[in-house]
Amino acid sequence: MNYAIYCTDKPDHLSVRMDNRPAHVDYLNGLNAEGKLVLAGPTLGEDNKPTGSIVIVEADSMEAAQTIAANDPYAKAGLFASVEIRGWNWVFNKPETTTA
């Protein structure tokens, strides 16, 4: 099942985000290599600066999605004021899978 992880940054924590970005990107690349990452990207404020993240993962359970969220270097660095995880159903514009 897919899970959407909605993360909101703490105010005035842009430096924490930037300092931990390389580790965060490496973490997401690892999830992608494992076939767990569906999509990811930052949310933006009016000034186009990051205000949080949306990460959608494929996981076996809510507990597995919570573990993925907790292991994100941004979470470990204390960047987020809040994290909310919900089940997510990808309906539109889903890439077609092909069989060989």
PDB file of N, CA and C in Angstrom:
ATOM      1  N   MET A   1       0.839  -1.173   0.000  1.00  0.00           N
ATOM      2  CA  MET A   1       0.000   0.000   0.000  1.00  0.00           C
ATOM      3  C   MET A   1       0.890   1.245   0.000  1.00  0.00           C
ATOM      4  N   ASN A   2       0.375   2.298  -0.590  1.00  0.00           N
ATOM      5  CA  ASN A   2       1.098   3.562  -0.581  1.00  0.00           C
ATOM      6  C   ASN A   2       0.698   4.399   0.622  1.00  0.00           C
ATOM      7  N   TYR A   3       1.669   5.151   1.134  1.00  0.00           N
ATOM      8  CA  TYR A   3       1.456   6.067   2.253  1.00  0.00           C
ATOM      9  C   TYR A   3       2.058   7.420   1.913  1.00  0.00           C
ATOM     10  N   ALA A   4       1.294   8.471   2.183  1.00  0.00           N
ATOM     11  CA  ALA A   4       1.780   9.835   1.997  1.00  0.00           C
ATOM     12  C   ALA A   4       2.272  10.342   3.346  1.00  0.00           C
ATOM     13  N   ILE A   5       3.496  10.816   3.367  1.00  0.00           N
ATOM     14  CA  ILE A   5       4.111  11.364   4.577  1.00  0.00           C
ATOM     15  C   ILE A   5       4.185  12.873   4.390  1.00  0.00           C
ATOM     16  N   TYR A   6       3.386  13.598   5.177  1.00  0.00           N
ATOM     17  CA  TYR A   6       3.328  15.063   5.115  1.00  0.00           C
ATOM     18  C   TYR A   6       4.160  15.623   6.272  1.00  0.00           C
ATOM     19  N   CYS A   7       5.205  16.348   5.967  1.00  0.00           N
ATOM     20  CA  CYS A   7       6.095  16.897   6.989  1.00  0.00           C
ATOM     21  C   CYS A   7       6.082  18.425   6.908  1.00  0.00           C
ATOM     22  N   THR A   8       5.975  19.066   8.045  1.00  0.00           N
ATOM     23  CA  THR A   8       6.020  20.521   8.121  1.00  0.00           C
ATOM     24  C   THR A   8       7.274  20.928   8.878  1.00  0.00           C
ATOM     25  N   ASP A   9       8.088  21.778   8.252  1.00  0.00           N
ATOM     26  CA  ASP A   9       9.321  22.235   8.894  1.00  0.00           C
ATOM     27  C   ASP A   9       9.028  23.143  10.078  1.00  0.00           C
ATOM     28  N   LYS A  10       9.923  23.121  11.045  1.00  0.00           N
ATOM     29  CA  LYS A  10       9.877  24.105  12.126  1.00  0.00           C
ATOM     30  C   LYS A  10      10.231  25.472  11.542  1.00  0.00           C
ATOM     31  N   PRO A  11       9.654  26.528  12.072  1.00  0.00           N
ATOM     32  CA  PRO A  11      10.016  27.869  11.598  1.00  0.00           C
ATOM     33  C   PRO A  11      11.515  28.127  11.775  1.00  0.00           C
ATOM     34  N   ASP A  12      12.078  28.850  10.857  1.00  0.00           N
ATOM     35  CA  ASP A  12      13.481  29.268  10.930  1.00  0.00           C
ATOM     36  C   ASP A  12      14.458  28.094  11.003  1.00  0.00           C
ATOM     37  N   HIS A  13      14.126  27.008  10.317  1.00  0.00           N
ATOM     38  CA  HIS A  13      14.999  25.832  10.302  1.00  0.00           C
ATOM     39  C   HIS A  13      15.542  25.520   8.907  1.00  0.00           C
ATOM     40  N   LEU A  14      15.589  26.524   8.029  1.00  0.00           N
ATOM     41  CA  LEU A  14      16.096  26.297   6.682  1.00  0.00           C
ATOM     42  C   LEU A  14      17.536  25.796   6.710  1.00  0.00           C
ATOM     43  N   SER A  15      18.341  26.300   7.631  1.00  0.00           N
ATOM     44  CA  SER A  15      19.735  25.848   7.705  1.00  0.00           C
ATOM     45  C   SER A  15      19.815  24.367   8.079  1.00  0.00           C
ATOM     46  N   VAL A  16      18.908  23.896   8.931  1.00  0.00           N
ATOM     47  CA  VAL A  16      18.874  22.470   9.280  1.00  0.00           C
ATOM     48  C   VAL A  16      18.538  21.654   8.031  1.00  0.00           C
ATOM     49  N   ARG A  17      17.571  22.121   7.262  1.00  0.00           N
ATOM     50  CA  ARG A  17      17.199  21.443   6.014  1.00  0.00           C
ATOM     51  C   ARG A  17      18.400  21.375   5.071  1.00  0.00           C
ATOM     52  N   MET A  18      19.050  22.498   4.853  1.00  0.00           N
ATOM     53  CA  MET A  18      20.151  22.547   3.888  1.00  0.00           C
ATOM     54  C   MET A  18      21.349  21.728   4.364  1.00  0.00           C
ATOM     55  N   ASP A  19      21.649  21.788   5.664  1.00  0.00           N
ATOM     56  CA  ASP A  19      22.778  21.021   6.197  1.00  0.00           C
ATOM     57  C   ASP A  19      22.570  19.519   6.059  1.00  0.00           C
ATOM     58  N   ASN A  20      21.320  19.065   6.126  1.00  0.00           N
ATOM     59  CA  ASN A  20      21.019  17.635   6.097  1.00  0.00           C
ATOM     60  C   ASN A  20      20.515  17.145   4.743  1.00  0.00           C
ATOM     61  N   ARG A  21      20.436  18.038   3.771  1.00  0.00           N
ATOM     62  CA  ARG A  21      19.899  17.676   2.460  1.00  0.00           C
ATOM     63  C   ARG A  21      20.676  16.550   1.780  1.00  0.00           C
ATOM     64  N   PRO A  22      22.021  16.559   1.765  1.00  0.00           N
ATOM     65  CA  PRO A  22      22.720  15.453   1.100  1.00  0.00           C
ATOM     66  C   PRO A  22      22.368  14.084   1.701  1.00  0.00           C
ATOM     67  N   ALA A  23      22.294  13.999   3.011  1.00  0.00           N
ATOM     68  CA  ALA A  23      21.937  12.726   3.654  1.00  0.00           C
ATOM     69  C   ALA A  23      20.484  12.354   3.349  1.00  0.00           C
ATOM     70  N   HIS A  24      19.597  13.351   3.322  1.00  0.00           N
ATOM     71  CA  HIS A  24      18.189  13.114   2.982  1.00  0.00           C
ATOM     72  C   HIS A  24      18.057  12.576   1.555  1.00  0.00           C
ATOM     73  N   VAL A  25      18.763  13.191   0.611  1.00  0.00           N
ATOM     74  CA  VAL A  25      18.716  12.741  -0.785  1.00  0.00           C
ATOM     75  C   VAL A  25      19.273  11.331  -0.902  1.00  0.00           C
ATOM     76  N   ASP A  26      20.366  11.038  -0.208  1.00  0.00           N
ATOM     77  CA  ASP A  26      20.917   9.677  -0.209  1.00  0.00           C
ATOM     78  C   ASP A  26      19.899   8.674   0.336  1.00  0.00           C
ATOM     79  N   TYR A  27      19.195   9.069   1.399  1.00  0.00           N
ATOM     80  CA  TYR A  27      18.181   8.197   2.000  1.00  0.00           C
ATOM     81  C   TYR A  27      17.065   7.919   0.994  1.00  0.00           C
ATOM     82  N   LEU A  28      16.584   8.961   0.329  1.00  0.00           N
ATOM     83  CA  LEU A  28      15.525   8.774  -0.659  1.00  0.00           C
ATOM     84  C   LEU A  28      16.015   7.936  -1.836  1.00  0.00           C
ATOM     85  N   ASN A  29      17.251   8.128  -2.258  1.00  0.00           N
ATOM     86  CA  ASN A  29      17.809   7.297  -3.331  1.00  0.00           C
ATOM     87  C   ASN A  29      17.858   5.830  -2.918  1.00  0.00           C
ATOM     88  N   GLY A  30      18.161   5.581  -1.648  1.00  0.00           N
ATOM     89  CA  GLY A  30      18.151   4.205  -1.136  1.00  0.00           C
ATOM     90  C   GLY A  30      16.755   3.607  -1.149  1.00  0.00           C
ATOM     91  N   LEU A  31      15.765   4.392  -0.731  1.00  0.00           N
ATOM     92  CA  LEU A  31      14.375   3.915  -0.791  1.00  0.00           C
ATOM     93  C   LEU A  31      13.967   3.632  -2.228  1.00  0.00           C
ATOM     94  N   ASN A  32      14.414   4.488  -3.144  1.00  0.00           N
ATOM     95  CA  ASN A  32      14.101   4.293  -4.558  1.00  0.00           C
ATOM     96  C   ASN A  32      14.717   2.988  -5.070  1.00  0.00           C
ATOM     97  N   ALA A  33      15.960   2.736  -4.702  1.00  0.00           N
ATOM     98  CA  ALA A  33      16.640   1.517  -5.124  1.00  0.00           C
ATOM     99  C   ALA A  33      15.933   0.267  -4.585  1.00  0.00           C
ATOM    100  N   GLU A  34      15.312   0.402  -3.415  1.00  0.00           N
ATOM    101  CA  GLU A  34      14.578  -0.714  -2.808  1.00  0.00           C
ATOM    102  C   GLU A  34      13.160  -0.842  -3.369  1.00  0.00           C
ATOM    103  N   GLY A  35      12.763   0.068  -4.237  1.00  0.00           N
ATOM    104  CA  GLY A  35      11.423   0.040  -4.793  1.00  0.00           C
ATOM    105  C   GLY A  35      10.359   0.562  -3.854  1.00  0.00           C
ATOM    106  N   LYS A  36      10.751   1.314  -2.821  1.00  0.00           N
ATOM    107  CA  LYS A  36       9.798   1.826  -1.839  1.00  0.00           C
ATOM    108  C   LYS A  36       9.367   3.266  -2.074  1.00  0.00           C
ATOM    109  N   LEU A  37      10.169   4.036  -2.813  1.00  0.00           N
ATOM    110  CA  LEU A  37       9.848   5.443  -3.041  1.00  0.00           C
ATOM    111  C   LEU A  37       8.952   5.597  -4.256  1.00  0.00           C
ATOM    112  N   VAL A  38       7.802   6.240  -4.075  1.00  0.00           N
ATOM    113  CA  VAL A  38       6.890   6.520  -5.179  1.00  0.00           C
ATOM    114  C   VAL A  38       7.205   7.900  -5.752  1.00  0.00           C
ATOM    115  N   LEU A  39       7.228   8.907  -4.892  1.00  0.00           N
ATOM    116  CA  LEU A  39       7.600  10.263  -5.293  1.00  0.00           C
ATOM    117  C   LEU A  39       7.903  11.070  -4.050  1.00  0.00           C
ATOM    118  N   ALA A  40       8.588  12.191  -4.248  1.00  0.00           N
ATOM    119  CA  ALA A  40       8.955  13.034  -3.112  1.00  0.00           C
ATOM    120  C   ALA A  40       9.311  14.425  -3.589  1.00  0.00           C
ATOM    121  N   GLY A  41       9.137  15.397  -2.707  1.00  0.00           N
ATOM    122  CA  GLY A  41       9.543  16.759  -3.000  1.00  0.00           C
ATOM    123  C   GLY A  41       9.146  17.689  -1.878  1.00  0.00           C
ATOM    124  N   PRO A  42       9.742  18.882  -1.865  1.00  0.00           N
ATOM    125  CA  PRO A  42       9.430  19.845  -0.819  1.00  0.00           C
ATOM    126  C   PRO A  42       8.133  20.602  -1.102  1.00  0.00           C
ATOM    127  N   THR A  43       7.471  21.011  -0.040  1.00  0.00           N
ATOM    128  CA  THR A  43       6.400  21.988  -0.172  1.00  0.00           C
ATOM    129  C   THR A  43       7.062  23.357  -0.112  1.00  0.00           C
ATOM    130  N   LEU A  44       6.431  24.357  -0.744  1.00  0.00           N
ATOM    131  CA  LEU A  44       7.046  25.680  -0.854  1.00  0.00           C
ATOM    132  C   LEU A  44       6.122  26.759  -0.316  1.00  0.00           C
ATOM    133  N   GLY A  45       6.721  27.782   0.279  1.00  0.00           N
ATOM    134  CA  GLY A  45       5.973  28.937   0.744  1.00  0.00           C
ATOM    135  C   GLY A  45       5.836  29.972  -0.360  1.00  0.00           C
ATOM    136  N   GLU A  46       5.210  31.081  -0.023  1.00  0.00           N
ATOM    137  CA  GLU A  46       5.008  32.175  -0.993  1.00  0.00           C
ATOM    138  C   GLU A  46       6.322  32.670  -1.591  1.00  0.00           C
ATOM    139  N   ASP A  47       7.401  32.560  -0.828  1.00  0.00           N
ATOM    140  CA  ASP A  47       8.714  33.016  -1.284  1.00  0.00           C
ATOM    141  C   ASP A  47       9.492  31.920  -2.022  1.00  0.00           C
ATOM    142  N   ASN A  48       8.820  30.800  -2.292  1.00  0.00           N
ATOM    143  CA  ASN A  48       9.417  29.629  -2.953  1.00  0.00           C
ATOM    144  C   ASN A  48      10.487  28.942  -2.118  1.00  0.00           C
ATOM    145  N   LYS A  49      10.550  29.224  -0.831  1.00  0.00           N
ATOM    146  CA  LYS A  49      11.468  28.519   0.059  1.00  0.00           C
ATOM    147  C   LYS A  49      10.746  27.309   0.649  1.00  0.00           C
ATOM    148  N   PRO A  50      11.495  26.219   0.914  1.00  0.00           N
ATOM    149  CA  PRO A  50      10.875  25.013   1.450  1.00  0.00           C
ATOM    150  C   PRO A  50      10.190  25.258   2.796  1.00  0.00           C
ATOM    151  N   THR A  51       9.022  24.655   2.945  1.00  0.00           N
ATOM    152  CA  THR A  51       8.264  24.724   4.202  1.00  0.00           C
ATOM    153  C   THR A  51       8.001  23.342   4.772  1.00  0.00           C
ATOM    154  N   GLY A  52       8.370  22.321   4.044  1.00  0.00           N
ATOM    155  CA  GLY A  52       8.121  20.948   4.474  1.00  0.00           C
ATOM    156  C   GLY A  52       8.407  19.986   3.345  1.00  0.00           C
ATOM    157  N   SER A  53       7.899  18.778   3.492  1.00  0.00           N
ATOM    158  CA  SER A  53       8.129  17.737   2.494  1.00  0.00           C
ATOM    159  C   SER A  53       6.887  16.880   2.335  1.00  0.00           C
ATOM    160  N   ILE A  54       6.726  16.353   1.145  1.00  0.00           N
ATOM    161  CA  ILE A  54       5.756  15.290   0.897  1.00  0.00           C
ATOM    162  C   ILE A  54       6.536  14.128   0.305  1.00  0.00           C
ATOM    163  N   VAL A  55       6.439  12.992   0.966  1.00  0.00           N
ATOM    164  CA  VAL A  55       7.115  11.782   0.514  1.00  0.00           C
ATOM    165  C   VAL A  55       6.053  10.691   0.447  1.00  0.00           C
ATOM    166  N   ILE A  56       5.945  10.052  -0.695  1.00  0.00           N
ATOM    167  CA  ILE A  56       4.996   8.949  -0.830  1.00  0.00           C
ATOM    168  C   ILE A  56       5.797   7.673  -1.020  1.00  0.00           C
ATOM    169  N   VAL A  57       5.493   6.713  -0.156  1.00  0.00           N
ATOM    170  CA  VAL A  57       6.238   5.456  -0.143  1.00  0.00           C
ATOM    171  C   VAL A  57       5.293   4.273  -0.282  1.00  0.00           C
ATOM    172  N   GLU A  58       5.841   3.184  -0.745  1.00  0.00           N
ATOM    173  CA  GLU A  58       5.133   1.917  -0.730  1.00  0.00           C
ATOM    174  C   GLU A  58       5.647   1.145   0.475  1.00  0.00           C
ATOM    175  N   ALA A  59       4.721   0.735   1.337  1.00  0.00           N
ATOM    176  CA  ALA A  59       5.105   0.022   2.552  1.00  0.00           C
ATOM    177  C   ALA A  59       4.047  -1.033   2.867  1.00  0.00           C
ATOM    178  N   ASP A  60       4.443  -2.030   3.637  1.00  0.00           N
ATOM    179  CA  ASP A  60       3.545  -3.139   3.977  1.00  0.00           C
ATOM    180  C   ASP A  60       2.497  -2.757   5.015  1.00  0.00           C
ATOM    181  N   SER A  61       2.779  -1.704   5.793  1.00  0.00           N
ATOM    182  CA  SER A  61       1.874  -1.331   6.876  1.00  0.00           C
ATOM    183  C   SER A  61       2.131   0.112   7.294  1.00  0.00           C
ATOM    184  N   MET A  62       1.217   0.643   8.101  1.00  0.00           N
ATOM    185  CA  MET A  62       1.407   1.977   8.670  1.00  0.00           C
ATOM    186  C   MET A  62       2.678   2.005   9.510  1.00  0.00           C
ATOM    187  N   GLU A  63       2.929   0.951  10.248  1.00  0.00           N
ATOM    188  CA  GLU A  63       4.127   0.890  11.092  1.00  0.00           C
ATOM    189  C   GLU A  63       5.394   0.964  10.243  1.00  0.00           C
ATOM    190  N   ALA A  64       5.392   0.284   9.099  1.00  0.00           N
ATOM    191  CA  ALA A  64       6.553   0.345   8.208  1.00  0.00           C
ATOM    192  C   ALA A  64       6.729   1.748   7.644  1.00  0.00           C
ATOM    193  N   ALA A  65       5.628   2.408   7.295  1.00  0.00           N
ATOM    194  CA  ALA A  65       5.705   3.791   6.808  1.00  0.00           C
ATOM    195  C   ALA A  65       6.217   4.723   7.902  1.00  0.00           C
ATOM    196  N   GLN A  66       5.785   4.492   9.132  1.00  0.00           N
ATOM    197  CA  GLN A  66       6.267   5.299  10.256  1.00  0.00           C
ATOM    198  C   GLN A  66       7.766   5.113  10.461  1.00  0.00           C
ATOM    199  N   THR A  67       8.247   3.905  10.287  1.00  0.00           N
ATOM    200  CA  THR A  67       9.686   3.641  10.407  1.00  0.00           C
ATOM    201  C   THR A  67      10.459   4.360   9.313  1.00  0.00           C
ATOM    202  N   ILE A  68       9.937   4.315   8.094  1.00  0.00           N
ATOM    203  CA  ILE A  68      10.583   5.028   6.986  1.00  0.00           C
ATOM    204  C   ILE A  68      10.665   6.518   7.316  1.00  0.00           C
ATOM    205  N   ALA A  69       9.560   7.090   7.793  1.00  0.00           N
ATOM    206  CA  ALA A  69       9.541   8.521   8.127  1.00  0.00           C
ATOM    207  C   ALA A  69      10.524   8.840   9.251  1.00  0.00           C
ATOM    208  N   ALA A  70      10.572   8.011  10.264  1.00  0.00           N
ATOM    209  CA  ALA A  70      11.438   8.261  11.419  1.00  0.00           C
ATOM    210  C   ALA A  70      12.917   8.155  11.070  1.00  0.00           C
ATOM    211  N   ASN A  71      13.246   7.346  10.069  1.00  0.00           N
ATOM    212  CA  ASN A  71      14.644   7.155   9.683  1.00  0.00           C
ATOM    213  C   ASN A  71      15.159   8.199   8.697  1.00  0.00           C
ATOM    214  N   ASP A  72      14.284   9.079   8.226  1.00  0.00           N
ATOM    215  CA  ASP A  72      14.711  10.146   7.325  1.00  0.00           C
ATOM    216  C   ASP A  72      15.688  11.059   8.068  1.00  0.00           C
ATOM    217  N   PRO A  73      16.833  11.367   7.483  1.00  0.00           N
ATOM    218  CA  PRO A  73      17.786  12.260   8.147  1.00  0.00           C
ATOM    219  C   PRO A  73      17.190  13.611   8.559  1.00  0.00           C
ATOM    220  N   TYR A  74      16.226  14.132   7.808  1.00  0.00           N
ATOM    221  CA  TYR A  74      15.566  15.372   8.220  1.00  0.00           C
ATOM    222  C   TYR A  74      14.854  15.178   9.555  1.00  0.00           C
ATOM    223  N   ALA A  75      14.157  14.059   9.709  1.00  0.00           N
ATOM    224  CA  ALA A  75      13.455  13.781  10.970  1.00  0.00           C
ATOM    225  C   ALA A  75      14.458  13.617  12.099  1.00  0.00           C
ATOM    226  N   LYS A  76      15.522  12.887  11.854  1.00  0.00           N
ATOM    227  CA  LYS A  76      16.537  12.660  12.886  1.00  0.00           C
ATOM    228  C   LYS A  76      17.224  13.959  13.304  1.00  0.00           C
ATOM    229  N   ALA A  77      17.304  14.927  12.383  1.00  0.00           N
ATOM    230  CA  ALA A  77      17.941  16.216  12.687  1.00  0.00           C
ATOM    231  C   ALA A  77      16.994  17.176  13.398  1.00  0.00           C
ATOM    232  N   GLY A  78      15.733  16.782  13.570  1.00  0.00           N
ATOM    233  CA  GLY A  78      14.778  17.639  14.262  1.00  0.00           C
ATOM    234  C   GLY A  78      14.202  18.743  13.393  1.00  0.00           C
ATOM    235  N   LEU A  79      14.180  18.562  12.077  1.00  0.00           N
ATOM    236  CA  LEU A  79      13.681  19.593  11.172  1.00  0.00           C
ATOM    237  C   LEU A  79      12.172  19.796  11.284  1.00  0.00           C
ATOM    238  N   PHE A  80      11.430  18.731  11.522  1.00  0.00           N
ATOM    239  CA  PHE A  80       9.983  18.809  11.385  1.00  0.00           C
ATOM    240  C   PHE A  80       9.251  19.201  12.666  1.00  0.00           C
ATOM    241  N   ALA A  81       8.301  20.122  12.503  1.00  0.00           N
ATOM    242  CA  ALA A  81       7.388  20.477  13.588  1.00  0.00           C
ATOM    243  C   ALA A  81       6.297  19.426  13.708  1.00  0.00           C
ATOM    244  N   SER A  82       5.921  18.833  12.561  1.00  0.00           N
ATOM    245  CA  SER A  82       4.895  17.793  12.568  1.00  0.00           C
ATOM    246  C   SER A  82       5.096  16.859  11.393  1.00  0.00           C
ATOM    247  N   VAL A  83       4.640  15.629  11.595  1.00  0.00           N
ATOM    248  CA  VAL A  83       4.657  14.610  10.542  1.00  0.00           C
ATOM    249  C   VAL A  83       3.311  13.896  10.614  1.00  0.00           C
ATOM    250  N   GLU A  84       2.634  13.822   9.477  1.00  0.00           N
ATOM    251  CA  GLU A  84       1.361  13.119   9.401  1.00  0.00           C
ATOM    252  C   GLU A  84       1.464  12.093   8.283  1.00  0.00           C
ATOM    253  N   ILE A  85       0.999  10.896   8.547  1.00  0.00           N
ATOM    254  CA  ILE A  85       1.070   9.818   7.561  1.00  0.00           C
ATOM    255  C   ILE A  85      -0.343   9.310   7.304  1.00  0.00           C
ATOM    256  N   ARG A  86      -0.677   9.210   6.026  1.00  0.00           N
ATOM    257  CA  ARG A  86      -1.996   8.713   5.622  1.00  0.00           C
ATOM    258  C   ARG A  86      -1.829   7.723   4.478  1.00  0.00           C
ATOM    259  N   GLY A  87      -2.732   6.756   4.417  1.00  0.00           N
ATOM    260  CA  GLY A  87      -2.784   5.882   3.254  1.00  0.00           C
ATOM    261  C   GLY A  87      -3.104   6.720   2.019  1.00  0.00           C
ATOM    262  N   TRP A  88      -2.564   6.313   0.869  1.00  0.00           N
ATOM    263  CA  TRP A  88      -2.742   7.097  -0.354  1.00  0.00           C
ATOM    264  C   TRP A  88      -2.981   6.160  -1.528  1.00  0.00           C
ATOM    265  N   ASN A  89      -4.008   6.456  -2.309  1.00  0.00           N
ATOM    266  CA  ASN A  89      -4.350   5.667  -3.483  1.00  0.00           C
ATOM    267  C   ASN A  89      -4.012   6.459  -4.738  1.00  0.00           C
ATOM    268  N   TRP A  90      -3.072   5.957  -5.525  1.00  0.00           N
ATOM    269  CA  TRP A  90      -2.646   6.636  -6.745  1.00  0.00           C
ATOM    270  C   TRP A  90      -3.620   6.261  -7.852  1.00  0.00           C
ATOM    271  N   VAL A  91      -4.450   7.235  -8.268  1.00  0.00           N
ATOM    272  CA  VAL A  91      -5.497   6.975  -9.249  1.00  0.00           C
ATOM    273  C   VAL A  91      -5.143   7.554 -10.615  1.00  0.00           C
ATOM    274  N   PHE A  92      -4.803   8.822 -10.689  1.00  0.00           N
ATOM    275  CA  PHE A  92      -4.570   9.487 -11.969  1.00  0.00           C
ATOM    276  C   PHE A  92      -3.086   9.646 -12.267  1.00  0.00           C
ATOM    277  N   ASN A  93      -2.753   9.539 -13.557  1.00  0.00           N
ATOM    278  CA  ASN A  93      -1.396   9.738 -14.078  1.00  0.00           C
ATOM    279  C   ASN A  93      -0.371   8.769 -13.493  1.00  0.00           C
ATOM    280  N   LYS A  94      -0.841   7.615 -13.094  1.00  0.00           N
ATOM    281  CA  LYS A  94       0.079   6.598 -12.601  1.00  0.00           C
ATOM    282  C   LYS A  94       0.805   5.987 -13.793  1.00  0.00           C
ATOM    283  N   PRO A  95       2.138   5.931 -13.733  1.00  0.00           N
ATOM    284  CA  PRO A  95       2.864   5.323 -14.851  1.00  0.00           C
ATOM    285  C   PRO A  95       2.444   3.871 -15.041  1.00  0.00           C
ATOM    286  N   GLU A  96       2.316   3.499 -16.271  1.00  0.00           N
ATOM    287  CA  GLU A  96       1.958   2.119 -16.569  1.00  0.00           C
ATOM    288  C   GLU A  96       3.163   1.226 -16.338  1.00  0.00           C
ATOM    289  N   THR A  97       2.916   0.076 -15.786  1.00  0.00           N
ATOM    290  CA  THR A  97       3.994  -0.889 -15.637  1.00  0.00           C
ATOM    291  C   THR A  97       3.983  -1.783 -16.857  1.00  0.00           C
ATOM    292  N   THR A  98       5.156  -2.142 -17.305  1.00  0.00           N
ATOM    293  CA  THR A  98       5.264  -2.989 -18.478  1.00  0.00           C
ATOM    294  C   THR A  98       5.836  -4.334 -18.076  1.00  0.00           C
ATOM    295  N   THR A  99       5.491  -5.344 -18.787  1.00  0.00           N
ATOM    296  CA  THR A  99       6.038  -6.665 -18.536  1.00  0.00           C
ATOM    297  C   THR A  99       6.883  -7.067 -19.736  1.00  0.00           C
ATOM    298  N   ALA A 100       7.950  -7.733 -19.436  1.00  0.00           N
ATOM    299  CA  ALA A 100       8.863  -8.161 -20.506  1.00  0.00           C
ATOM    300  C   ALA A 100       8.588  -9.591 -20.896  1.00  0.00           C
TER     301      ALA A 100
END
